[in-house]
Amino acid sequence: AMAKQEAHLLLRREAIRAIFMLSDLFTTPNHEFMLTLFQVLLEEDKAEDTMVRPYLLMGMCKAVAVLRIEEAGFLHHSITEFLQNPQPTMQRAALYGILSLIEGRISSAILPLLPSV
């Protein structure tokens, strides 16, 4: 039973990683699919699977940027959580996500992250 559960987890990780890696080739419906799927998986993945969570956040930010979703405030909590995580992998994922949002000019997701002056 344990080997079957490990195989399922490994397959899940590789599928998520593959979706993210192939997303440069995606069309609009594919980015919409990735955004929806990754949002659901990030919500479900409270077990802090450090192998998968970075891809989920980076994929969500990338999809938001490509789709030009201006109402992207929903990313704020996840990005902040990743930036405050002590693991460099999580911090890098947040920074990659922020870079995607900057490139996509998604100010609703970027401005709340900036310190108020």
N, C-alpha and C. Protein backbone atom coordinates (compact mmCIF):
# COMPACT_ATOMS: atom_id res chain seq x y z
N ALA A 1 0.82 -1.19 0.00
CA ALA A 1 0.00 0.00 0.00
C ALA A 1 0.87 1.26 0.00
N MET A 2 1.98 1.21 0.76
CA MET A 2 2.85 2.37 0.84
C MET A 2 3.51 2.65 -0.50
N ALA A 3 3.94 1.62 -1.21
CA ALA A 3 4.58 1.79 -2.51
C ALA A 3 3.60 2.40 -3.51
N LYS A 4 2.35 1.99 -3.44
CA LYS A 4 1.33 2.53 -4.34
C LYS A 4 1.10 4.01 -4.05
N GLN A 5 1.07 4.39 -2.78
CA GLN A 5 0.89 5.79 -2.39
C GLN A 5 2.09 6.63 -2.84
N GLU A 6 3.29 6.10 -2.70
CA GLU A 6 4.50 6.81 -3.14
C GLU A 6 4.49 6.98 -4.66
N ALA A 7 4.06 5.96 -5.38
CA ALA A 7 3.99 6.04 -6.83
C ALA A 7 2.98 7.11 -7.27
N HIS A 8 1.86 7.17 -6.56
CA HIS A 8 0.84 8.18 -6.85
C HIS A 8 1.40 9.58 -6.63
N LEU A 9 2.12 9.78 -5.53
CA LEU A 9 2.70 11.08 -5.21
C LEU A 9 3.76 11.47 -6.25
N LEU A 10 4.59 10.51 -6.64
CA LEU A 10 5.61 10.77 -7.65
C LEU A 10 4.98 11.14 -8.99
N LEU A 11 3.95 10.42 -9.39
CA LEU A 11 3.25 10.70 -10.64
C LEU A 11 2.62 12.09 -10.60
N ARG A 12 2.02 12.43 -9.48
CA ARG A 12 1.40 13.75 -9.31
C ARG A 12 2.44 14.86 -9.44
N ARG A 13 3.59 14.68 -8.75
CA ARG A 13 4.66 15.67 -8.82
C ARG A 13 5.15 15.87 -10.25
N GLU A 14 5.38 14.77 -10.94
CA GLU A 14 5.92 14.86 -12.31
C GLU A 14 4.90 15.47 -13.27
N ALA A 15 3.62 15.18 -13.07
CA ALA A 15 2.58 15.76 -13.93
C ALA A 15 2.52 17.27 -13.74
N ILE A 16 2.57 17.72 -12.50
CA ILE A 16 2.54 19.16 -12.22
C ILE A 16 3.77 19.84 -12.82
N ARG A 17 4.92 19.23 -12.62
CA ARG A 17 6.17 19.79 -13.16
C ARG A 17 6.11 19.85 -14.68
N ALA A 18 5.58 18.82 -15.31
CA ALA A 18 5.48 18.78 -16.77
C ALA A 18 4.53 19.86 -17.29
N ILE A 19 3.39 20.03 -16.63
CA ILE A 19 2.44 21.08 -17.05
C ILE A 19 3.12 22.44 -16.98
N PHE A 20 3.84 22.70 -15.89
CA PHE A 20 4.52 23.99 -15.76
C PHE A 20 5.59 24.16 -16.85
N MET A 21 6.40 23.13 -17.05
CA MET A 21 7.49 23.21 -18.04
C MET A 21 6.96 23.40 -19.46
N LEU A 22 5.84 22.80 -19.77
CA LEU A 22 5.27 22.90 -21.12
C LEU A 22 4.43 24.15 -21.32
N SER A 23 4.21 24.91 -20.26
CA SER A 23 3.28 26.04 -20.34
C SER A 23 3.72 27.14 -21.30
N ASP A 24 5.00 27.17 -21.67
CA ASP A 24 5.45 28.14 -22.69
C ASP A 24 4.78 27.88 -24.04
N LEU A 25 4.34 26.67 -24.24
CA LEU A 25 3.71 26.28 -25.51
C LEU A 25 2.19 26.39 -25.48
N PHE A 26 1.64 26.78 -24.33
CA PHE A 26 0.19 26.77 -24.15
C PHE A 26 -0.52 27.88 -24.92
N THR A 27 -1.81 27.59 -25.19
CA THR A 27 -2.73 28.59 -25.73
C THR A 27 -3.58 29.08 -24.55
N THR A 28 -4.44 30.04 -24.79
CA THR A 28 -5.27 30.62 -23.72
C THR A 28 -6.04 29.57 -22.92
N PRO A 29 -6.77 28.64 -23.56
CA PRO A 29 -7.50 27.65 -22.76
C PRO A 29 -6.58 26.80 -21.88
N ASN A 30 -5.37 26.52 -22.37
CA ASN A 30 -4.42 25.74 -21.57
C ASN A 30 -3.97 26.51 -20.34
N HIS A 31 -3.74 27.82 -20.50
CA HIS A 31 -3.35 28.64 -19.34
C HIS A 31 -4.50 28.74 -18.34
N GLU A 32 -5.72 28.84 -18.84
CA GLU A 32 -6.88 28.87 -17.95
C GLU A 32 -6.98 27.57 -17.16
N PHE A 33 -6.76 26.45 -17.85
CA PHE A 33 -6.77 25.14 -17.21
C PHE A 33 -5.69 25.05 -16.14
N MET A 34 -4.46 25.49 -16.48
CA MET A 34 -3.35 25.43 -15.53
C MET A 34 -3.66 26.29 -14.30
N LEU A 35 -4.19 27.48 -14.50
CA LEU A 35 -4.50 28.36 -13.38
C LEU A 35 -5.53 27.71 -12.45
N THR A 36 -6.60 27.20 -13.02
CA THR A 36 -7.65 26.57 -12.21
C THR A 36 -7.13 25.34 -11.48
N LEU A 37 -6.43 24.48 -12.19
CA LEU A 37 -5.90 23.26 -11.61
C LEU A 37 -4.91 23.57 -10.48
N PHE A 38 -3.98 24.48 -10.74
CA PHE A 38 -2.96 24.78 -9.75
C PHE A 38 -3.54 25.48 -8.53
N GLN A 39 -4.58 26.29 -8.71
CA GLN A 39 -5.25 26.93 -7.55
C GLN A 39 -5.85 25.85 -6.65
N VAL A 40 -6.55 24.91 -7.26
CA VAL A 40 -7.18 23.83 -6.49
C VAL A 40 -6.12 22.99 -5.78
N LEU A 41 -5.06 22.65 -6.50
CA LEU A 41 -4.01 21.81 -5.91
C LEU A 41 -3.27 22.53 -4.78
N LEU A 42 -3.04 23.82 -4.94
CA LEU A 42 -2.35 24.57 -3.89
C LEU A 42 -3.21 24.64 -2.63
N GLU A 43 -4.52 24.79 -2.82
CA GLU A 43 -5.43 24.80 -1.67
C GLU A 43 -5.44 23.43 -0.97
N GLU A 44 -5.43 22.36 -1.77
CA GLU A 44 -5.46 21.01 -1.22
C GLU A 44 -4.15 20.63 -0.56
N ASP A 45 -3.06 21.20 -1.03
CA ASP A 45 -1.73 20.75 -0.64
C ASP A 45 -1.25 21.44 0.62
N LYS A 46 -1.97 21.24 1.70
CA LYS A 46 -1.60 21.85 2.97
C LYS A 46 -0.48 21.06 3.66
N ALA A 47 -0.11 19.93 3.09
CA ALA A 47 0.93 19.09 3.69
C ALA A 47 2.33 19.65 3.40
N GLU A 48 2.38 20.82 2.76
CA GLU A 48 3.66 21.47 2.48
C GLU A 48 4.58 20.57 1.65
N ASP A 49 4.08 20.05 0.56
CA ASP A 49 4.91 19.26 -0.33
C ASP A 49 5.86 20.23 -1.04
N THR A 50 7.07 20.31 -0.53
CA THR A 50 8.03 21.30 -1.03
C THR A 50 8.51 21.01 -2.45
N MET A 51 8.22 19.83 -2.95
CA MET A 51 8.60 19.49 -4.32
C MET A 51 7.60 20.06 -5.31
N VAL A 52 6.35 20.22 -4.89
CA VAL A 52 5.27 20.59 -5.79
C VAL A 52 4.83 22.04 -5.64
N ARG A 53 4.78 22.52 -4.42
CA ARG A 53 4.25 23.86 -4.16
C ARG A 53 4.92 24.97 -4.99
N PRO A 54 6.24 24.97 -5.16
CA PRO A 54 6.84 26.02 -5.98
C PRO A 54 6.30 26.06 -7.41
N TYR A 55 6.12 24.90 -8.01
CA TYR A 55 5.58 24.85 -9.38
C TYR A 55 4.15 25.36 -9.44
N LEU A 56 3.38 25.08 -8.39
CA LEU A 56 2.00 25.53 -8.36
C LEU A 56 1.93 27.06 -8.33
N LEU A 57 2.71 27.68 -7.45
CA LEU A 57 2.69 29.15 -7.37
C LEU A 57 3.25 29.78 -8.65
N MET A 58 4.37 29.27 -9.13
CA MET A 58 4.96 29.84 -10.35
C MET A 58 4.01 29.70 -11.53
N GLY A 59 3.34 28.56 -11.62
CA GLY A 59 2.39 28.34 -12.71
C GLY A 59 1.19 29.26 -12.63
N MET A 60 0.70 29.48 -11.42
CA MET A 60 -0.44 30.39 -11.24
C MET A 60 -0.06 31.81 -11.65
N CYS A 61 1.09 32.27 -11.20
CA CYS A 61 1.53 33.63 -11.54
C CYS A 61 1.75 33.77 -13.04
N LYS A 62 2.35 32.76 -13.64
CA LYS A 62 2.59 32.79 -15.08
C LYS A 62 1.27 32.85 -15.85
N ALA A 63 0.31 32.04 -15.44
CA ALA A 63 -0.99 32.02 -16.11
C ALA A 63 -1.70 33.36 -15.96
N VAL A 64 -1.66 33.94 -14.77
CA VAL A 64 -2.29 35.24 -14.53
C VAL A 64 -1.66 36.30 -15.44
N ALA A 65 -0.33 36.25 -15.56
CA ALA A 65 0.37 37.23 -16.40
C ALA A 65 0.02 37.05 -17.87
N VAL A 66 0.03 35.82 -18.34
CA VAL A 66 -0.26 35.55 -19.75
C VAL A 66 -1.71 35.90 -20.09
N LEU A 67 -2.62 35.58 -19.17
CA LEU A 67 -4.05 35.83 -19.40
C LEU A 67 -4.44 37.28 -19.10
N ARG A 68 -3.49 38.03 -18.55
CA ARG A 68 -3.72 39.45 -18.21
C ARG A 68 -4.91 39.61 -17.26
N ILE A 69 -4.93 38.81 -16.21
CA ILE A 69 -6.00 38.88 -15.22
C ILE A 69 -5.65 39.98 -14.23
N GLU A 70 -6.37 41.08 -14.32
CA GLU A 70 -6.07 42.22 -13.44
C GLU A 70 -6.54 42.01 -12.02
N GLU A 71 -7.57 41.22 -11.82
CA GLU A 71 -8.06 40.95 -10.48
C GLU A 71 -7.30 39.76 -9.90
N ALA A 72 -6.04 39.99 -9.60
CA ALA A 72 -5.18 38.89 -9.15
C ALA A 72 -4.80 39.00 -7.69
N GLY A 73 -5.62 39.68 -6.92
CA GLY A 73 -5.35 39.83 -5.50
C GLY A 73 -5.30 38.50 -4.77
N PHE A 74 -5.93 37.48 -5.34
CA PHE A 74 -5.94 36.16 -4.71
C PHE A 74 -4.53 35.56 -4.59
N LEU A 75 -3.58 36.08 -5.36
CA LEU A 75 -2.21 35.58 -5.31
C LEU A 75 -1.42 36.15 -4.12
N HIS A 76 -1.89 37.27 -3.60
CA HIS A 76 -1.14 37.99 -2.57
C HIS A 76 -0.80 37.12 -1.37
N HIS A 77 -1.79 36.40 -0.86
CA HIS A 77 -1.56 35.55 0.33
C HIS A 77 -0.50 34.49 0.05
N SER A 78 -0.61 33.81 -1.08
CA SER A 78 0.34 32.73 -1.39
C SER A 78 1.74 33.27 -1.60
N ILE A 79 1.86 34.37 -2.33
CA ILE A 79 3.19 34.95 -2.57
C ILE A 79 3.82 35.37 -1.25
N THR A 80 3.06 36.03 -0.39
CA THR A 80 3.56 36.46 0.91
C THR A 80 4.00 35.26 1.75
N GLU A 81 3.17 34.23 1.75
CA GLU A 81 3.48 33.01 2.50
C GLU A 81 4.80 32.39 2.01
N PHE A 82 4.98 32.35 0.69
CA PHE A 82 6.20 31.77 0.12
C PHE A 82 7.41 32.63 0.43
N LEU A 83 7.27 33.94 0.38
CA LEU A 83 8.39 34.84 0.68
C LEU A 83 8.84 34.70 2.13
N GLN A 84 7.89 34.45 3.02
CA GLN A 84 8.20 34.34 4.45
C GLN A 84 8.66 32.94 4.85
N ASN A 85 8.57 32.00 3.94
CA ASN A 85 9.00 30.63 4.21
C ASN A 85 10.53 30.61 4.32
N PRO A 86 11.07 29.91 5.31
CA PRO A 86 12.53 29.89 5.47
C PRO A 86 13.28 29.12 4.37
N GLN A 87 12.56 28.33 3.59
CA GLN A 87 13.23 27.52 2.56
C GLN A 87 13.50 28.36 1.30
N PRO A 88 14.74 28.39 0.86
CA PRO A 88 15.10 29.18 -0.34
C PRO A 88 14.31 28.78 -1.58
N THR A 89 13.95 27.51 -1.71
CA THR A 89 13.17 27.05 -2.86
C THR A 89 11.83 27.78 -2.93
N MET A 90 11.19 27.93 -1.78
CA MET A 90 9.90 28.62 -1.73
C MET A 90 10.07 30.11 -2.02
N GLN A 91 11.11 30.71 -1.47
CA GLN A 91 11.36 32.13 -1.71
C GLN A 91 11.63 32.39 -3.19
N ARG A 92 12.43 31.52 -3.82
CA ARG A 92 12.72 31.66 -5.26
C ARG A 92 11.46 31.52 -6.09
N ALA A 93 10.58 30.60 -5.70
CA ALA A 93 9.32 30.42 -6.43
C ALA A 93 8.49 31.70 -6.37
N ALA A 94 8.45 32.33 -5.19
CA ALA A 94 7.71 33.59 -5.06
C ALA A 94 8.33 34.67 -5.92
N LEU A 95 9.64 34.76 -5.93
CA LEU A 95 10.32 35.78 -6.74
C LEU A 95 10.11 35.54 -8.23
N TYR A 96 10.14 34.28 -8.64
CA TYR A 96 9.86 33.95 -10.04
C TYR A 96 8.43 34.36 -10.39
N GLY A 97 7.50 34.07 -9.48
CA GLY A 97 6.11 34.44 -9.70
C GLY A 97 5.94 35.95 -9.81
N ILE A 98 6.61 36.69 -8.93
CA ILE A 98 6.54 38.16 -8.97
C ILE A 98 7.12 38.66 -10.29
N LEU A 99 8.22 38.07 -10.74
CA LEU A 99 8.81 38.47 -12.03
C LEU A 99 7.82 38.26 -13.17
N SER A 100 7.12 37.15 -13.16
CA SER A 100 6.10 36.90 -14.19
C SER A 100 5.02 37.97 -14.16
N LEU A 101 4.60 38.33 -12.96
CA LEU A 101 3.55 39.34 -12.81
C LEU A 101 4.04 40.72 -13.25
N ILE A 102 5.30 41.02 -12.98
CA ILE A 102 5.87 42.30 -13.43
C ILE A 102 5.92 42.33 -14.95
N GLU A 103 6.39 41.23 -15.55
CA GLU A 103 6.45 41.15 -17.01
C GLU A 103 5.07 41.28 -17.63
N GLY A 104 4.06 40.75 -16.95
CA GLY A 104 2.68 40.84 -17.45
C GLY A 104 1.97 42.12 -17.05
N ARG A 105 2.68 42.97 -16.30
CA ARG A 105 2.12 44.25 -15.82
C ARG A 105 0.81 44.06 -15.04
N ILE A 106 0.81 43.08 -14.15
CA ILE A 106 -0.38 42.80 -13.35
C ILE A 106 -0.24 43.55 -12.02
N SER A 107 -0.58 44.81 -12.04
CA SER A 107 -0.35 45.67 -10.87
C SER A 107 -1.17 45.28 -9.65
N SER A 108 -2.36 44.69 -9.84
CA SER A 108 -3.19 44.32 -8.69
C SER A 108 -2.51 43.27 -7.82
N ALA A 109 -1.63 42.48 -8.40
CA ALA A 109 -0.93 41.45 -7.63
C ALA A 109 0.40 41.97 -7.10
N ILE A 110 0.99 42.95 -7.78
CA ILE A 110 2.31 43.43 -7.41
C ILE A 110 2.24 44.53 -6.34
N LEU A 111 1.36 45.49 -6.53
CA LEU A 111 1.32 46.65 -5.63
C LEU A 111 1.13 46.31 -4.16
N PRO A 112 0.27 45.34 -3.80
CA PRO A 112 0.12 45.01 -2.38
C PRO A 112 1.40 44.46 -1.74
N LEU A 113 2.32 43.96 -2.56
CA LEU A 113 3.55 43.39 -2.04
C LEU A 113 4.60 44.45 -1.74
N LEU A 114 4.43 45.63 -2.32
CA LEU A 114 5.41 46.69 -2.12
C LEU A 114 5.19 47.35 -0.77
N PRO A 115 6.27 47.72 -0.11
CA PRO A 115 6.09 48.42 1.17
C PRO A 115 5.45 49.78 0.97
N SER A 116 4.56 50.15 1.86
CA SER A 116 3.92 51.45 1.71
C SER A 116 4.90 52.54 2.16
N VAL A 117 4.85 53.63 1.45
CA VAL A 117 5.82 54.71 1.69
C VAL A 117 5.14 55.81 2.49
